[in-house]
N, C-alpha and C. Protein backbone atom coordinates (compact mmCIF):
# COMPACT_ATOMS: atom_id res chain seq x y z
N MET A 1 20.80 25.53 -79.92
CA MET A 1 21.43 24.55 -79.06
C MET A 1 20.79 24.67 -77.65
N LYS A 2 20.49 23.54 -77.09
CA LYS A 2 19.83 23.50 -75.78
C LYS A 2 20.80 23.78 -74.68
N ASP A 3 20.26 24.21 -73.55
CA ASP A 3 21.09 24.40 -72.31
C ASP A 3 21.31 23.00 -71.76
N LEU A 4 22.54 22.53 -71.76
CA LEU A 4 22.87 21.16 -71.35
C LEU A 4 23.52 21.11 -69.97
N ARG A 5 23.44 22.22 -69.26
CA ARG A 5 24.07 22.22 -67.90
C ARG A 5 23.26 21.42 -66.92
N LEU A 6 23.93 20.97 -65.90
CA LEU A 6 23.30 20.22 -64.82
C LEU A 6 22.29 21.10 -64.12
N GLN A 7 21.13 20.56 -63.79
CA GLN A 7 20.14 21.29 -63.06
C GLN A 7 19.81 20.62 -61.75
N ASP A 8 19.52 21.39 -60.73
CA ASP A 8 19.17 20.82 -59.42
C ASP A 8 17.84 20.13 -59.51
N ILE A 9 17.69 19.07 -58.67
CA ILE A 9 16.42 18.43 -58.51
C ILE A 9 15.66 19.17 -57.48
N PRO A 10 14.35 19.51 -57.73
CA PRO A 10 13.62 20.40 -56.83
C PRO A 10 13.24 19.83 -55.46
N SER A 11 13.26 18.57 -55.29
CA SER A 11 12.90 18.00 -53.95
C SER A 11 13.80 16.85 -53.61
N LYS A 12 13.64 16.36 -52.38
CA LYS A 12 14.48 15.28 -51.90
C LYS A 12 14.01 13.92 -52.36
N ILE A 13 12.71 13.79 -52.70
CA ILE A 13 12.16 12.51 -53.15
C ILE A 13 11.74 12.70 -54.62
N ILE A 14 12.19 11.80 -55.47
CA ILE A 14 11.89 11.94 -56.91
C ILE A 14 11.09 10.66 -57.36
N ASP A 15 10.01 10.92 -58.06
CA ASP A 15 9.28 9.84 -58.72
C ASP A 15 9.69 9.85 -60.23
N ILE A 16 10.52 8.96 -60.58
CA ILE A 16 11.08 8.92 -61.97
C ILE A 16 9.97 8.83 -62.98
N GLU A 17 8.93 8.05 -62.70
CA GLU A 17 7.84 7.84 -63.67
C GLU A 17 7.05 9.12 -63.96
N THR A 18 6.97 10.07 -62.98
CA THR A 18 6.18 11.28 -63.23
C THR A 18 7.09 12.50 -63.31
N PHE A 19 8.40 12.27 -63.39
CA PHE A 19 9.34 13.44 -63.52
C PHE A 19 9.06 14.18 -64.80
N ASP A 20 8.82 15.48 -64.74
CA ASP A 20 8.45 16.26 -65.84
C ASP A 20 9.61 16.62 -66.74
N ALA A 21 9.98 15.71 -67.65
CA ALA A 21 11.07 15.98 -68.56
C ALA A 21 10.70 15.74 -70.03
N GLY A 22 9.43 15.51 -70.27
CA GLY A 22 9.00 15.17 -71.61
C GLY A 22 9.50 13.83 -72.02
N LYS A 23 9.82 13.70 -73.31
CA LYS A 23 10.34 12.38 -73.79
C LYS A 23 11.84 12.48 -74.14
N GLU A 24 12.47 13.51 -73.79
CA GLU A 24 13.90 13.60 -74.09
C GLU A 24 14.72 12.73 -73.12
N PRO A 25 15.83 12.21 -73.57
CA PRO A 25 16.71 11.38 -72.70
C PRO A 25 17.40 12.31 -71.70
N LEU A 26 17.56 11.78 -70.50
CA LEU A 26 18.22 12.50 -69.42
C LEU A 26 19.33 11.65 -68.78
N VAL A 27 20.24 12.30 -68.14
CA VAL A 27 21.22 11.60 -67.30
C VAL A 27 21.11 12.18 -65.87
N PHE A 28 20.98 11.29 -64.88
CA PHE A 28 20.95 11.69 -63.50
C PHE A 28 22.33 11.45 -62.92
N VAL A 29 22.88 12.42 -62.21
CA VAL A 29 24.22 12.32 -61.64
C VAL A 29 24.12 12.49 -60.10
N LEU A 30 24.56 11.54 -59.38
CA LEU A 30 24.58 11.65 -57.89
C LEU A 30 26.01 11.65 -57.46
N SER A 31 26.41 12.72 -56.76
CA SER A 31 27.80 12.87 -56.30
C SER A 31 27.77 13.66 -55.04
N ASN A 32 28.46 13.18 -54.06
CA ASN A 32 28.63 13.92 -52.78
C ASN A 32 27.26 14.22 -52.17
N GLY A 33 26.30 13.31 -52.31
CA GLY A 33 24.98 13.57 -51.70
C GLY A 33 24.09 14.48 -52.47
N ILE A 34 24.49 14.97 -53.61
CA ILE A 34 23.75 15.95 -54.38
C ILE A 34 23.32 15.21 -55.70
N LEU A 35 22.04 15.27 -56.05
CA LEU A 35 21.52 14.70 -57.24
C LEU A 35 21.13 15.78 -58.19
N LYS A 36 21.64 15.72 -59.45
CA LYS A 36 21.33 16.68 -60.50
C LYS A 36 20.98 15.91 -61.81
N TYR A 37 20.41 16.63 -62.71
CA TYR A 37 20.13 15.96 -64.05
C TYR A 37 20.44 16.92 -65.14
N ALA A 38 20.62 16.33 -66.33
CA ALA A 38 20.90 17.17 -67.49
C ALA A 38 20.33 16.42 -68.72
N PRO A 39 19.78 17.12 -69.71
CA PRO A 39 19.35 16.45 -70.92
C PRO A 39 20.55 16.05 -71.77
N LEU A 40 20.32 14.94 -72.54
CA LEU A 40 21.38 14.49 -73.40
C LEU A 40 21.18 15.02 -74.76
N PRO A 41 22.30 15.30 -75.53
CA PRO A 41 22.15 15.87 -76.90
C PRO A 41 21.58 14.83 -77.81
N PRO A 42 20.86 15.23 -78.88
CA PRO A 42 20.26 14.28 -79.82
C PRO A 42 21.31 13.41 -80.54
N HIS A 43 22.42 14.00 -80.86
CA HIS A 43 23.53 13.23 -81.52
C HIS A 43 24.82 13.65 -80.82
N GLY A 44 25.54 12.68 -80.31
CA GLY A 44 26.83 13.03 -79.65
C GLY A 44 27.09 12.12 -78.49
N GLU A 45 28.06 12.49 -77.70
CA GLU A 45 28.38 11.69 -76.55
C GLU A 45 28.57 12.59 -75.34
N THR A 46 28.35 12.03 -74.15
CA THR A 46 28.45 12.80 -72.93
C THR A 46 29.43 12.02 -72.02
N LYS A 47 30.42 12.71 -71.51
CA LYS A 47 31.39 12.07 -70.58
C LYS A 47 31.22 12.70 -69.21
N ILE A 48 31.21 11.86 -68.22
CA ILE A 48 31.17 12.30 -66.83
C ILE A 48 32.58 12.26 -66.28
N VAL A 49 33.12 13.36 -65.83
CA VAL A 49 34.49 13.42 -65.34
C VAL A 49 34.45 13.48 -63.85
N THR A 50 35.30 12.64 -63.25
CA THR A 50 35.41 12.56 -61.77
C THR A 50 36.79 12.89 -61.35
N HIS A 51 36.90 13.29 -60.08
CA HIS A 51 38.24 13.59 -59.45
C HIS A 51 38.06 13.38 -57.93
N ASN A 52 38.89 12.64 -57.32
CA ASN A 52 38.80 12.36 -55.88
C ASN A 52 37.43 11.83 -55.48
N ASN A 53 36.88 10.83 -56.26
CA ASN A 53 35.55 10.27 -56.02
C ASN A 53 34.41 11.26 -56.04
N LYS A 54 34.53 12.33 -56.78
CA LYS A 54 33.43 13.31 -56.89
C LYS A 54 33.34 13.67 -58.42
N VAL A 55 32.09 13.86 -58.83
CA VAL A 55 31.88 14.33 -60.20
C VAL A 55 32.28 15.77 -60.30
N THR A 56 33.13 16.09 -61.28
CA THR A 56 33.60 17.45 -61.42
C THR A 56 32.95 18.19 -62.56
N ARG A 57 32.60 17.44 -63.66
CA ARG A 57 31.98 18.12 -64.79
C ARG A 57 31.38 17.07 -65.75
N LEU A 58 30.53 17.55 -66.61
CA LEU A 58 30.02 16.77 -67.73
C LEU A 58 30.55 17.39 -68.98
N LEU A 59 31.08 16.59 -69.89
CA LEU A 59 31.58 17.11 -71.19
C LEU A 59 30.72 16.62 -72.29
N TYR A 60 30.27 17.52 -73.19
CA TYR A 60 29.41 17.18 -74.31
C TYR A 60 30.20 17.28 -75.58
N ASN A 61 30.09 16.31 -76.43
CA ASN A 61 30.67 16.29 -77.78
C ASN A 61 29.47 16.07 -78.71
N GLU A 62 28.90 17.20 -79.24
CA GLU A 62 27.73 17.06 -80.08
C GLU A 62 28.14 16.91 -81.54
N GLY A 63 27.34 16.23 -82.26
CA GLY A 63 27.50 16.07 -83.68
C GLY A 63 26.16 16.05 -84.44
N GLU A 64 26.29 15.89 -85.71
CA GLU A 64 25.07 15.78 -86.53
C GLU A 64 25.32 14.73 -87.59
N LEU A 65 24.32 13.97 -87.89
CA LEU A 65 24.44 12.93 -88.93
C LEU A 65 24.68 13.59 -90.25
N PHE A 66 25.61 13.11 -91.00
CA PHE A 66 25.91 13.65 -92.30
C PHE A 66 25.54 12.58 -93.34
N GLU A 67 24.39 12.77 -93.99
CA GLU A 67 23.88 11.79 -94.95
C GLU A 67 23.56 12.46 -96.27
């Protein structure tokens, strides 16, 4: 299982086209002037939880296709 925690962005200016994240899907979260990113799971859903107009957490519900 991958580390799905939010990670800090290393600089103040980001070039999305050259951001080194490979080909995996990402979610960028901007809250209270802080920008962070986290990879998305291959199968599942991700919920962004807010409180008082601030992001408080990301919740992951991972699954696997059963075929």
